[in-house]
Amino acid sequence: MRLYEHPLSGNSHKVRLLLSFLGLDCESVTVDLLSGAQQREPFLTLNPRGEVPVLEEEGLVLRDSMAILVYLAARHGEGRWLPREPAKMAQVMEWLAFASGWIQYGLFTARAIVSFGAAGNALPPTFPGNLEEASLRARKSLDILEKQLGEGDWLAGEAATIADIACFPYVAMAPMGKISLEPYPAVQGWIARFKALPGYLSMPGL
């Protein structure tokens, strides 16, 4: 198993977290995002989207963090991180979609603009992005998470799942995008619970 990633990528970190929780060994290949290696060959042959992470295993190539989480949890998780019961599985998928949309274009983008000077999301590095728009989406996302986590410890059920993994990194790194977590005590409690999970890994900004 081989993971193409970058240490500052929260999307890469989602996969690193699940690999650690599952106790799986994986070869790590760093793609230098800061020099734009993801937008050049040979990486573009591997992933025409020009994004990390990418997972290779036994001839399979997966090019999206959510797809990788589903694959690893379904293949190696024995129902622990991705419930097999259809309704519970669908609840997890709702939060994967939330992470790919609301969080990506809010918290992810705010962090990218403030901390790295670019909007990310496969846009050219000279594209400035819209911090006001990203911040508005970020706070709305946190409002939604605060309500959900005020009703239970985890996003989809009574235990942590890949729903929590998918949402965690960019929520926890919200201050890197000048988004305060102080108004969100339930979210802060969830972050603390997540960090206490056996096998938890940190990264810069967490």
N, C-alpha and C. Protein backbone atom coordinates (compact mmCIF):
# COMPACT_ATOMS: atom_id res chain seq x y z
N MET A 1 0.85 -1.18 0.00
CA MET A 1 0.00 0.00 0.00
C MET A 1 0.89 1.24 0.00
N ARG A 2 0.53 2.22 -0.85
CA ARG A 2 1.35 3.42 -0.96
C ARG A 2 0.42 4.64 -0.93
N LEU A 3 0.79 5.65 -0.14
CA LEU A 3 0.01 6.88 -0.03
C LEU A 3 0.83 8.06 -0.51
N TYR A 4 0.34 8.75 -1.53
CA TYR A 4 0.95 9.98 -2.01
C TYR A 4 0.27 11.12 -1.24
N GLU A 5 1.07 11.94 -0.56
CA GLU A 5 0.51 12.88 0.39
C GLU A 5 1.44 14.06 0.61
N HIS A 6 1.03 14.95 1.52
CA HIS A 6 1.88 16.05 1.98
C HIS A 6 1.60 16.28 3.45
N PRO A 7 2.64 16.55 4.27
CA PRO A 7 2.43 16.68 5.71
C PRO A 7 1.54 17.83 6.13
N LEU A 8 1.35 18.84 5.28
CA LEU A 8 0.49 19.98 5.62
C LEU A 8 -0.92 19.83 5.08
N SER A 9 -1.18 18.76 4.38
CA SER A 9 -2.49 18.53 3.78
C SER A 9 -3.44 17.87 4.77
N GLY A 10 -4.51 18.57 5.11
CA GLY A 10 -5.51 17.98 5.99
C GLY A 10 -6.22 16.81 5.35
N ASN A 11 -6.42 16.86 4.04
CA ASN A 11 -7.05 15.73 3.35
C ASN A 11 -6.15 14.50 3.40
N SER A 12 -4.85 14.69 3.26
CA SER A 12 -3.92 13.57 3.45
C SER A 12 -3.99 13.06 4.88
N HIS A 13 -4.12 13.99 5.83
CA HIS A 13 -4.11 13.58 7.23
C HIS A 13 -5.32 12.72 7.59
N LYS A 14 -6.43 12.93 6.93
CA LYS A 14 -7.59 12.08 7.16
C LYS A 14 -7.23 10.61 6.91
N VAL A 15 -6.51 10.37 5.84
CA VAL A 15 -6.12 9.00 5.51
C VAL A 15 -5.09 8.48 6.50
N ARG A 16 -4.12 9.34 6.86
CA ARG A 16 -3.12 8.92 7.85
C ARG A 16 -3.80 8.52 9.16
N LEU A 17 -4.81 9.27 9.56
CA LEU A 17 -5.51 8.97 10.80
C LEU A 17 -6.16 7.59 10.73
N LEU A 18 -6.89 7.32 9.66
CA LEU A 18 -7.58 6.03 9.58
C LEU A 18 -6.58 4.89 9.49
N LEU A 19 -5.51 5.07 8.75
CA LEU A 19 -4.48 4.03 8.71
C LEU A 19 -3.94 3.74 10.11
N SER A 20 -3.73 4.78 10.89
CA SER A 20 -3.23 4.60 12.25
C SER A 20 -4.27 3.91 13.13
N PHE A 21 -5.53 4.35 13.04
CA PHE A 21 -6.59 3.74 13.84
C PHE A 21 -6.75 2.25 13.50
N LEU A 22 -6.53 1.91 12.23
CA LEU A 22 -6.67 0.52 11.79
C LEU A 22 -5.39 -0.29 12.01
N GLY A 23 -4.29 0.38 12.34
CA GLY A 23 -3.02 -0.31 12.53
C GLY A 23 -2.43 -0.85 11.24
N LEU A 24 -2.63 -0.13 10.14
CA LEU A 24 -2.16 -0.58 8.83
C LEU A 24 -0.84 0.10 8.47
N ASP A 25 0.08 -0.67 7.91
CA ASP A 25 1.33 -0.12 7.40
C ASP A 25 1.11 0.41 5.99
N CYS A 26 1.77 1.51 5.68
CA CYS A 26 1.61 2.13 4.36
C CYS A 26 2.87 2.92 4.02
N GLU A 27 3.36 2.73 2.81
CA GLU A 27 4.50 3.53 2.34
C GLU A 27 4.02 4.94 2.04
N SER A 28 4.75 5.93 2.52
CA SER A 28 4.39 7.33 2.30
C SER A 28 5.30 7.94 1.22
N VAL A 29 4.68 8.60 0.25
CA VAL A 29 5.40 9.32 -0.79
C VAL A 29 4.98 10.78 -0.72
N THR A 30 5.92 11.66 -0.37
CA THR A 30 5.59 13.08 -0.25
C THR A 30 5.55 13.75 -1.62
N VAL A 31 4.46 14.44 -1.89
CA VAL A 31 4.30 15.25 -3.09
C VAL A 31 4.47 16.71 -2.66
N ASP A 32 5.45 17.40 -3.23
CA ASP A 32 5.78 18.75 -2.78
C ASP A 32 4.75 19.75 -3.31
N LEU A 33 3.68 19.94 -2.54
CA LEU A 33 2.62 20.85 -2.96
C LEU A 33 3.11 22.30 -3.07
N LEU A 34 4.04 22.66 -2.20
CA LEU A 34 4.48 24.07 -2.16
C LEU A 34 5.27 24.45 -3.39
N SER A 35 5.86 23.47 -4.08
CA SER A 35 6.56 23.76 -5.34
C SER A 35 5.69 23.48 -6.56
N GLY A 36 4.45 23.02 -6.32
CA GLY A 36 3.53 22.74 -7.43
C GLY A 36 3.74 21.40 -8.09
N ALA A 37 4.39 20.45 -7.40
CA ALA A 37 4.65 19.14 -8.00
C ALA A 37 3.37 18.41 -8.36
N GLN A 38 2.29 18.72 -7.65
CA GLN A 38 1.02 18.04 -7.92
C GLN A 38 0.41 18.45 -9.26
N GLN A 39 0.89 19.54 -9.83
CA GLN A 39 0.36 20.03 -11.10
C GLN A 39 1.30 19.74 -12.27
N ARG A 40 2.28 18.86 -12.03
CA ARG A 40 3.24 18.52 -13.08
C ARG A 40 3.37 17.00 -13.19
N GLU A 41 3.94 16.58 -14.33
CA GLU A 41 4.30 15.17 -14.45
C GLU A 41 5.50 14.89 -13.55
N PRO A 42 5.63 13.68 -13.01
CA PRO A 42 4.82 12.49 -13.33
C PRO A 42 3.55 12.36 -12.50
N PHE A 43 3.30 13.30 -11.55
CA PHE A 43 2.15 13.10 -10.67
C PHE A 43 0.84 13.19 -11.43
N LEU A 44 0.76 14.05 -12.45
CA LEU A 44 -0.50 14.20 -13.18
C LEU A 44 -0.91 12.93 -13.91
N THR A 45 0.05 12.10 -14.25
CA THR A 45 -0.31 10.80 -14.84
C THR A 45 -1.02 9.93 -13.81
N LEU A 46 -0.57 10.02 -12.56
CA LEU A 46 -1.19 9.26 -11.48
C LEU A 46 -2.55 9.85 -11.12
N ASN A 47 -2.62 11.16 -11.04
CA ASN A 47 -3.87 11.83 -10.68
C ASN A 47 -4.06 13.10 -11.52
N PRO A 48 -4.84 13.01 -12.60
CA PRO A 48 -5.05 14.19 -13.46
C PRO A 48 -5.69 15.37 -12.73
N ARG A 49 -6.27 15.13 -11.57
CA ARG A 49 -6.86 16.24 -10.80
C ARG A 49 -5.79 17.12 -10.16
N GLY A 50 -4.58 16.60 -10.02
CA GLY A 50 -3.51 17.37 -9.41
C GLY A 50 -3.71 17.61 -7.94
N GLU A 51 -4.19 16.59 -7.22
CA GLU A 51 -4.48 16.74 -5.80
C GLU A 51 -3.94 15.53 -5.03
N VAL A 52 -3.65 15.75 -3.76
CA VAL A 52 -3.38 14.66 -2.83
C VAL A 52 -4.55 14.59 -1.86
N PRO A 53 -4.80 13.40 -1.28
CA PRO A 53 -4.00 12.18 -1.34
C PRO A 53 -4.39 11.29 -2.50
N VAL A 54 -3.49 10.35 -2.79
CA VAL A 54 -3.76 9.25 -3.72
C VAL A 54 -3.29 7.97 -3.04
N LEU A 55 -4.12 6.95 -3.09
CA LEU A 55 -3.77 5.66 -2.49
C LEU A 55 -3.65 4.61 -3.58
N GLU A 56 -2.57 3.83 -3.54
CA GLU A 56 -2.38 2.68 -4.42
C GLU A 56 -2.35 1.42 -3.58
N GLU A 57 -3.11 0.43 -3.97
CA GLU A 57 -3.04 -0.87 -3.30
C GLU A 57 -3.43 -1.96 -4.30
N GLU A 58 -2.51 -2.87 -4.56
CA GLU A 58 -2.77 -4.05 -5.38
C GLU A 58 -3.41 -3.67 -6.72
N GLY A 59 -2.85 -2.66 -7.38
CA GLY A 59 -3.33 -2.25 -8.68
C GLY A 59 -4.48 -1.26 -8.66
N LEU A 60 -5.09 -1.04 -7.51
CA LEU A 60 -6.17 -0.07 -7.37
C LEU A 60 -5.58 1.31 -7.08
N VAL A 61 -6.08 2.34 -7.76
CA VAL A 61 -5.66 3.72 -7.52
C VAL A 61 -6.90 4.53 -7.15
N LEU A 62 -6.88 5.14 -5.97
CA LEU A 62 -7.98 5.98 -5.50
C LEU A 62 -7.47 7.40 -5.32
N ARG A 63 -8.24 8.38 -5.82
CA ARG A 63 -7.74 9.75 -5.95
C ARG A 63 -8.55 10.77 -5.14
N ASP A 64 -9.20 10.34 -4.11
CA ASP A 64 -10.01 11.26 -3.31
C ASP A 64 -10.00 10.78 -1.87
N SER A 65 -9.86 11.70 -0.93
CA SER A 65 -9.75 11.29 0.47
C SER A 65 -11.00 10.57 0.95
N MET A 66 -12.18 11.01 0.51
CA MET A 66 -13.41 10.36 0.95
C MET A 66 -13.50 8.94 0.41
N ALA A 67 -13.16 8.77 -0.86
CA ALA A 67 -13.17 7.43 -1.44
C ALA A 67 -12.18 6.52 -0.73
N ILE A 68 -11.03 7.07 -0.38
CA ILE A 68 -10.01 6.28 0.32
C ILE A 68 -10.51 5.87 1.71
N LEU A 69 -11.14 6.79 2.42
CA LEU A 69 -11.68 6.46 3.74
C LEU A 69 -12.71 5.34 3.65
N VAL A 70 -13.61 5.44 2.68
CA VAL A 70 -14.64 4.41 2.52
C VAL A 70 -13.99 3.07 2.20
N TYR A 71 -13.04 3.08 1.29
CA TYR A 71 -12.37 1.83 0.88
C TYR A 71 -11.65 1.18 2.06
N LEU A 72 -10.84 1.95 2.77
CA LEU A 72 -10.07 1.38 3.87
C LEU A 72 -10.98 0.88 5.00
N ALA A 73 -12.01 1.67 5.31
CA ALA A 73 -12.92 1.27 6.38
C ALA A 73 -13.70 0.03 6.00
N ALA A 74 -14.15 -0.04 4.74
CA ALA A 74 -14.93 -1.20 4.29
C ALA A 74 -14.07 -2.45 4.19
N ARG A 75 -12.84 -2.29 3.72
CA ARG A 75 -11.98 -3.46 3.52
C ARG A 75 -11.32 -3.93 4.81
N HIS A 76 -10.92 -3.00 5.65
CA HIS A 76 -10.09 -3.36 6.81
C HIS A 76 -10.75 -3.08 8.16
N GLY A 77 -11.88 -2.37 8.17
CA GLY A 77 -12.42 -1.90 9.44
C GLY A 77 -13.41 -2.80 10.13
N GLU A 78 -13.86 -3.85 9.45
CA GLU A 78 -14.78 -4.83 10.05
C GLU A 78 -16.02 -4.14 10.64
N GLY A 79 -16.51 -3.11 9.98
CA GLY A 79 -17.72 -2.42 10.42
C GLY A 79 -17.52 -1.41 11.52
N ARG A 80 -16.29 -1.28 12.01
CA ARG A 80 -16.04 -0.37 13.13
C ARG A 80 -16.12 1.09 12.70
N TRP A 81 -15.51 1.44 11.59
CA TRP A 81 -15.43 2.84 11.17
C TRP A 81 -16.45 3.22 10.10
N LEU A 82 -17.05 2.22 9.46
CA LEU A 82 -18.12 2.45 8.49
C LEU A 82 -19.20 1.40 8.75
N PRO A 83 -20.31 1.79 9.39
CA PRO A 83 -21.35 0.82 9.70
C PRO A 83 -21.87 0.13 8.45
N ARG A 84 -22.24 -1.12 8.59
CA ARG A 84 -22.75 -1.88 7.45
C ARG A 84 -24.26 -1.75 7.28
N GLU A 85 -24.94 -1.39 8.34
CA GLU A 85 -26.40 -1.24 8.26
C GLU A 85 -26.71 -0.02 7.38
N PRO A 86 -27.61 -0.17 6.38
CA PRO A 86 -27.80 0.88 5.37
C PRO A 86 -28.10 2.27 5.93
N ALA A 87 -29.00 2.38 6.90
CA ALA A 87 -29.35 3.71 7.41
C ALA A 87 -28.17 4.36 8.11
N LYS A 88 -27.44 3.59 8.90
CA LYS A 88 -26.28 4.14 9.59
C LYS A 88 -25.16 4.50 8.61
N MET A 89 -24.99 3.65 7.58
CA MET A 89 -24.00 3.96 6.55
C MET A 89 -24.36 5.27 5.84
N ALA A 90 -25.64 5.46 5.56
CA ALA A 90 -26.08 6.68 4.88
C ALA A 90 -25.83 7.91 5.74
N GLN A 91 -26.01 7.78 7.06
CA GLN A 91 -25.71 8.91 7.95
C GLN A 91 -24.24 9.30 7.88
N VAL A 92 -23.36 8.30 7.81
CA VAL A 92 -21.94 8.60 7.66
C VAL A 92 -21.69 9.31 6.34
N MET A 93 -22.33 8.84 5.27
CA MET A 93 -22.11 9.43 3.95
C MET A 93 -22.57 10.89 3.91
N GLU A 94 -23.62 11.21 4.67
CA GLU A 94 -24.05 12.61 4.75
C GLU A 94 -22.91 13.52 5.21
N TRP A 95 -22.16 13.04 6.21
CA TRP A 95 -21.08 13.86 6.76
C TRP A 95 -19.85 13.86 5.85
N LEU A 96 -19.65 12.79 5.09
CA LEU A 96 -18.57 12.82 4.09
C LEU A 96 -18.88 13.89 3.04
N ALA A 97 -20.14 13.97 2.63
CA ALA A 97 -20.53 15.01 1.67
C ALA A 97 -20.38 16.39 2.28
N PHE A 98 -20.71 16.53 3.54
CA PHE A 98 -20.55 17.81 4.24
C PHE A 98 -19.09 18.22 4.27
N ALA A 99 -18.21 17.27 4.54
CA ALA A 99 -16.77 17.57 4.56
C ALA A 99 -16.27 17.98 3.18
N SER A 100 -16.77 17.33 2.14
CA SER A 100 -16.32 17.62 0.78
C SER A 100 -16.86 18.94 0.24
N GLY A 101 -17.98 19.39 0.77
CA GLY A 101 -18.59 20.61 0.29
C GLY A 101 -18.43 21.76 1.27
N TRP A 102 -19.21 21.73 2.32
CA TRP A 102 -19.23 22.85 3.27
C TRP A 102 -17.86 23.12 3.89
N ILE A 103 -17.24 22.08 4.41
CA ILE A 103 -15.95 22.28 5.08
C ILE A 103 -14.86 22.63 4.07
N GLN A 104 -14.85 21.96 2.94
CA GLN A 104 -13.82 22.20 1.93
C GLN A 104 -13.84 23.65 1.45
N TYR A 105 -15.02 24.16 1.15
CA TYR A 105 -15.10 25.50 0.59
C TYR A 105 -15.24 26.59 1.66
N GLY A 106 -15.24 26.19 2.91
CA GLY A 106 -15.25 27.15 4.01
C GLY A 106 -13.96 27.09 4.80
N LEU A 107 -13.87 26.14 5.73
CA LEU A 107 -12.71 26.06 6.62
C LEU A 107 -11.42 25.75 5.87
N PHE A 108 -11.47 24.81 4.93
CA PHE A 108 -10.28 24.50 4.12
C PHE A 108 -9.79 25.75 3.39
N THR A 109 -10.71 26.42 2.70
CA THR A 109 -10.32 27.57 1.87
C THR A 109 -9.82 28.73 2.72
N ALA A 110 -10.46 29.00 3.86
CA ALA A 110 -9.99 30.07 4.74
C ALA A 110 -8.57 29.79 5.20
N ARG A 111 -8.29 28.56 5.61
CA ARG A 111 -6.93 28.19 6.04
C ARG A 111 -5.94 28.36 4.89
N ALA A 112 -6.32 27.91 3.71
CA ALA A 112 -5.42 28.00 2.56
C ALA A 112 -5.08 29.46 2.24
N ILE A 113 -6.07 30.34 2.27
CA ILE A 113 -5.84 31.74 1.93
C ILE A 113 -4.99 32.42 3.00
N VAL A 114 -5.34 32.23 4.27
CA VAL A 114 -4.65 32.92 5.36
C VAL A 114 -3.24 32.38 5.56
N SER A 115 -3.10 31.06 5.57
CA SER A 115 -1.82 30.45 5.94
C SER A 115 -0.89 30.20 4.77
N PHE A 116 -1.43 30.07 3.56
CA PHE A 116 -0.59 29.73 2.41
C PHE A 116 -0.73 30.70 1.24
N GLY A 117 -1.62 31.67 1.34
CA GLY A 117 -1.73 32.70 0.32
C GLY A 117 -2.35 32.27 -0.98
N ALA A 118 -3.07 31.15 -0.97
CA ALA A 118 -3.73 30.67 -2.18
C ALA A 118 -5.00 29.95 -1.78
N ALA A 119 -5.97 29.91 -2.67
CA ALA A 119 -7.27 29.34 -2.34
C ALA A 119 -7.30 27.82 -2.39
N GLY A 120 -6.32 27.22 -3.05
CA GLY A 120 -6.32 25.77 -3.18
C GLY A 120 -7.44 25.30 -4.08
N ASN A 121 -7.97 24.10 -3.81
CA ASN A 121 -9.07 23.55 -4.61
C ASN A 121 -8.72 23.49 -6.09
N ALA A 122 -7.45 23.13 -6.38
CA ALA A 122 -6.94 22.97 -7.75
C ALA A 122 -6.90 24.27 -8.54
N LEU A 123 -7.03 25.42 -7.85
CA LEU A 123 -6.90 26.71 -8.51
C LEU A 123 -5.43 27.08 -8.63
N PRO A 124 -5.08 27.94 -9.60
CA PRO A 124 -3.68 28.36 -9.73
C PRO A 124 -3.19 29.03 -8.45
N PRO A 125 -1.90 28.89 -8.13
CA PRO A 125 -1.38 29.47 -6.89
C PRO A 125 -1.49 30.99 -6.82
N THR A 126 -1.64 31.64 -7.97
CA THR A 126 -1.79 33.09 -7.98
C THR A 126 -3.24 33.53 -7.77
N PHE A 127 -4.17 32.57 -7.73
CA PHE A 127 -5.59 32.90 -7.54
C PHE A 127 -5.82 33.25 -6.07
N PRO A 128 -6.25 34.47 -5.76
CA PRO A 128 -6.29 34.91 -4.36
C PRO A 128 -7.41 34.29 -3.53
N GLY A 129 -8.51 33.94 -4.15
CA GLY A 129 -9.65 33.42 -3.39
C GLY A 129 -10.40 34.53 -2.70
N ASN A 130 -11.49 34.17 -2.06
CA ASN A 130 -12.36 35.14 -1.38
C ASN A 130 -12.46 34.76 0.08
N LEU A 131 -11.69 35.44 0.92
CA LEU A 131 -11.64 35.09 2.33
C LEU A 131 -12.97 35.38 3.03
N GLU A 132 -13.63 36.45 2.66
CA GLU A 132 -14.92 36.78 3.29
C GLU A 132 -15.94 35.67 3.03
N GLU A 133 -16.00 35.22 1.80
CA GLU A 133 -16.94 34.15 1.44
C GLU A 133 -16.59 32.85 2.16
N ALA A 134 -15.29 32.51 2.16
CA ALA A 134 -14.85 31.28 2.83
C ALA A 134 -15.15 31.34 4.33
N SER A 135 -14.91 32.49 4.94
CA SER A 135 -15.15 32.63 6.38
C SER A 135 -16.63 32.50 6.72
N LEU A 136 -17.49 33.04 5.86
CA LEU A 136 -18.93 32.92 6.08
C LEU A 136 -19.35 31.45 6.03
N ARG A 137 -18.86 30.74 5.03
CA ARG A 137 -19.17 29.32 4.92
C ARG A 137 -18.58 28.53 6.10
N ALA A 138 -17.40 28.92 6.52
CA ALA A 138 -16.76 28.23 7.65
C ALA A 138 -17.59 28.35 8.90
N ARG A 139 -18.05 29.56 9.22
CA ARG A 139 -18.82 29.76 10.44
C ARG A 139 -20.18 29.07 10.36
N LYS A 140 -20.79 29.07 9.18
CA LYS A 140 -22.05 28.35 9.01
C LYS A 140 -21.84 26.85 9.22
N SER A 141 -20.72 26.33 8.72
CA SER A 141 -20.39 24.92 8.93
C SER A 141 -20.25 24.61 10.42
N LEU A 142 -19.56 25.49 11.12
CA LEU A 142 -19.37 25.29 12.56
C LEU A 142 -20.69 25.39 13.32
N ASP A 143 -21.59 26.25 12.87
CA ASP A 143 -22.91 26.32 13.48
C ASP A 143 -23.63 24.98 13.37
N ILE A 144 -23.55 24.38 12.18
CA ILE A 144 -24.20 23.09 11.94
C ILE A 144 -23.57 22.01 12.81
N LEU A 145 -22.26 21.99 12.87
CA LEU A 145 -21.56 21.00 13.68
C LEU A 145 -21.86 21.19 15.17
N GLU A 146 -21.92 22.43 15.61
CA GLU A 146 -22.21 22.71 17.02
C GLU A 146 -23.57 22.15 17.41
N LYS A 147 -24.56 22.32 16.57
CA LYS A 147 -25.89 21.79 16.86
C LYS A 147 -25.86 20.27 16.92
N GLN A 148 -25.22 19.64 15.93
CA GLN A 148 -25.16 18.19 15.89
C GLN A 148 -24.42 17.63 17.10
N LEU A 149 -23.29 18.21 17.43
CA LEU A 149 -22.46 17.70 18.52
C LEU A 149 -23.01 18.09 19.89
N GLY A 150 -23.95 19.01 19.92
CA GLY A 150 -24.65 19.29 21.17
C GLY A 150 -25.64 18.19 21.52
N GLU A 151 -25.91 17.31 20.55
CA GLU A 151 -26.89 16.23 20.75
C GLU A 151 -26.24 14.87 20.92
N GLY A 152 -24.93 14.78 20.71
CA GLY A 152 -24.24 13.51 20.84
C GLY A 152 -22.74 13.70 20.71
N ASP A 153 -21.99 12.71 21.19
CA ASP A 153 -20.53 12.85 21.21
C ASP A 153 -19.90 12.77 19.83
N TRP A 154 -20.56 12.06 18.91
CA TRP A 154 -19.97 11.83 17.58
C TRP A 154 -20.96 12.19 16.50
N LEU A 155 -20.50 12.33 15.29
CA LEU A 155 -21.35 12.85 14.23
C LEU A 155 -22.38 11.85 13.73
N ALA A 156 -22.05 10.56 13.75
CA ALA A 156 -22.96 9.57 13.17
C ALA A 156 -23.00 8.33 14.05
N GLY A 157 -23.74 8.41 15.14
CA GLY A 157 -23.85 7.25 16.01
C GLY A 157 -23.15 7.45 17.34
N GLU A 158 -22.99 6.36 18.06
CA GLU A 158 -22.47 6.42 19.42
C GLU A 158 -20.96 6.27 19.50
N ALA A 159 -20.31 6.05 18.38
CA ALA A 159 -18.84 5.91 18.36
C ALA A 159 -18.29 6.69 17.17
N ALA A 160 -17.01 6.98 17.22
CA ALA A 160 -16.37 7.67 16.10
C ALA A 160 -16.40 6.81 14.85
N THR A 161 -16.62 7.44 13.71
CA THR A 161 -16.62 6.78 12.41
C THR A 161 -15.79 7.61 11.44
N ILE A 162 -15.75 7.18 10.19
CA ILE A 162 -15.04 7.98 9.19
C ILE A 162 -15.73 9.32 8.96
N ALA A 163 -16.97 9.48 9.42
CA ALA A 163 -17.62 10.80 9.37
C ALA A 163 -16.82 11.79 10.20
N ASP A 164 -16.42 11.37 11.39
CA ASP A 164 -15.63 12.25 12.27
C ASP A 164 -14.24 12.49 11.69
N ILE A 165 -13.63 11.43 11.15
CA ILE A 165 -12.30 11.59 10.55
C ILE A 165 -12.35 12.58 9.39
N ALA A 166 -13.39 12.49 8.55
CA ALA A 166 -13.49 13.35 7.38
C ALA A 166 -13.62 14.81 7.75
N CYS A 167 -14.29 15.09 8.86
CA CYS A 167 -14.54 16.48 9.24
C CYS A 167 -13.46 17.05 10.15
N PHE A 168 -12.74 16.19 10.84
CA PHE A 168 -11.87 16.64 11.93
C PHE A 168 -10.76 17.61 11.54
N PRO A 169 -9.86 17.28 10.59
CA PRO A 169 -8.65 18.12 10.46
C PRO A 169 -8.92 19.59 10.22
N TYR A 170 -9.76 19.91 9.24
CA TYR A 170 -9.94 21.33 8.92
C TYR A 170 -10.78 22.06 9.96
N VAL A 171 -11.64 21.35 10.67
CA VAL A 171 -12.35 21.97 11.80
C VAL A 171 -11.37 22.30 12.91
N ALA A 172 -10.52 21.34 13.26
CA ALA A 172 -9.56 21.56 14.35
C ALA A 172 -8.53 22.64 14.00
N MET A 173 -8.26 22.80 12.70
CA MET A 173 -7.30 23.82 12.26
C MET A 173 -7.96 25.13 11.89
N ALA A 174 -9.20 25.33 12.27
CA ALA A 174 -9.92 26.55 11.93
C ALA A 174 -9.16 27.83 12.30
N PRO A 175 -8.46 27.89 13.45
CA PRO A 175 -7.72 29.13 13.77
C PRO A 175 -6.66 29.50 12.73
N MET A 176 -6.16 28.53 11.97
CA MET A 176 -5.20 28.85 10.92
C MET A 176 -5.84 29.69 9.81
N GLY A 177 -7.16 29.68 9.74
CA GLY A 177 -7.89 30.52 8.79
C GLY A 177 -8.55 31.71 9.46
N LYS A 178 -8.07 32.04 10.68
CA LYS A 178 -8.61 33.15 11.47
C LYS A 178 -10.09 32.94 11.80
N ILE A 179 -10.46 31.68 12.05
CA ILE A 179 -11.81 31.35 12.47
C ILE A 179 -11.71 30.84 13.91
N SER A 180 -12.26 31.58 14.85
CA SER A 180 -12.17 31.20 16.25
C SER A 180 -13.13 30.06 16.56
N LEU A 181 -12.66 29.14 17.41
CA LEU A 181 -13.51 28.04 17.87
C LEU A 181 -14.14 28.34 19.23
N GLU A 182 -13.85 29.49 19.79
CA GLU A 182 -14.36 29.82 21.12
C GLU A 182 -15.89 29.81 21.20
N PRO A 183 -16.61 30.24 20.16
CA PRO A 183 -18.08 30.23 20.27
C PRO A 183 -18.70 28.84 20.14
N TYR A 184 -17.88 27.80 20.02
CA TYR A 184 -18.39 26.47 19.70
C TYR A 184 -17.91 25.44 20.73
N PRO A 185 -18.48 25.46 21.95
CA PRO A 185 -18.01 24.54 22.99
C PRO A 185 -18.23 23.07 22.66
N ALA A 186 -19.32 22.74 21.99
CA ALA A 186 -19.56 21.33 21.64
C ALA A 186 -18.53 20.85 20.63
N VAL A 187 -18.17 21.70 19.70
CA VAL A 187 -17.13 21.36 18.73
C VAL A 187 -15.79 21.19 19.43
N GLN A 188 -15.48 22.07 20.37
CA GLN A 188 -14.23 21.94 21.12
C GLN A 188 -14.19 20.63 21.91
N GLY A 189 -15.30 20.24 22.49
CA GLY A 189 -15.35 18.99 23.22
C GLY A 189 -15.13 17.80 22.30
N TRP A 190 -15.72 17.84 21.12
CA TRP A 190 -15.53 16.79 20.11
C TRP A 190 -14.07 16.70 19.69
N ILE A 191 -13.41 17.83 19.48
CA ILE A 191 -11.99 17.84 19.12
C ILE A 191 -11.17 17.15 20.21
N ALA A 192 -11.48 17.47 21.46
CA ALA A 192 -10.75 16.85 22.58
C ALA A 192 -10.99 15.34 22.62
N ARG A 193 -12.22 14.92 22.39
CA ARG A 193 -12.52 13.47 22.38
C ARG A 193 -11.79 12.78 21.24
N PHE A 194 -11.78 13.43 20.09
CA PHE A 194 -11.11 12.84 18.93
C PHE A 194 -9.62 12.66 19.19
N LYS A 195 -9.00 13.67 19.77
CA LYS A 195 -7.57 13.61 20.05
C LYS A 195 -7.23 12.54 21.09
N ALA A 196 -8.21 12.12 21.86
CA ALA A 196 -7.99 11.09 22.88
C ALA A 196 -8.17 9.67 22.33
N LEU A 197 -8.57 9.54 21.06
CA LEU A 197 -8.77 8.20 20.49
C LEU A 197 -7.43 7.46 20.40
N PRO A 198 -7.41 6.17 20.71
CA PRO A 198 -6.17 5.39 20.55
C PRO A 198 -5.69 5.39 19.10
N GLY A 199 -4.43 5.71 18.92
CA GLY A 199 -3.87 5.77 17.58
C GLY A 199 -3.92 7.14 16.94
N TYR A 200 -4.43 8.14 17.67
CA TYR A 200 -4.51 9.50 17.12
C TYR A 200 -3.13 10.00 16.70
N LEU A 201 -3.08 10.68 15.57
CA LEU A 201 -1.86 11.32 15.07
C LEU A 201 -2.11 12.81 14.94
N SER A 202 -1.10 13.60 15.25
CA SER A 202 -1.19 15.04 15.06
C SER A 202 -0.52 15.44 13.75
N MET A 203 -0.63 16.72 13.42
CA MET A 203 0.05 17.30 12.27
C MET A 203 0.23 18.78 12.55
N PRO A 204 1.09 19.48 11.80
CA PRO A 204 1.25 20.92 12.05
C PRO A 204 -0.08 21.66 12.00
N GLY A 205 -0.36 22.44 13.03
CA GLY A 205 -1.61 23.17 13.10
C GLY A 205 -2.64 22.57 14.01
N LEU A 206 -2.40 21.33 14.47
CA LEU A 206 -3.35 20.67 15.37
C LEU A 206 -2.81 20.70 16.81
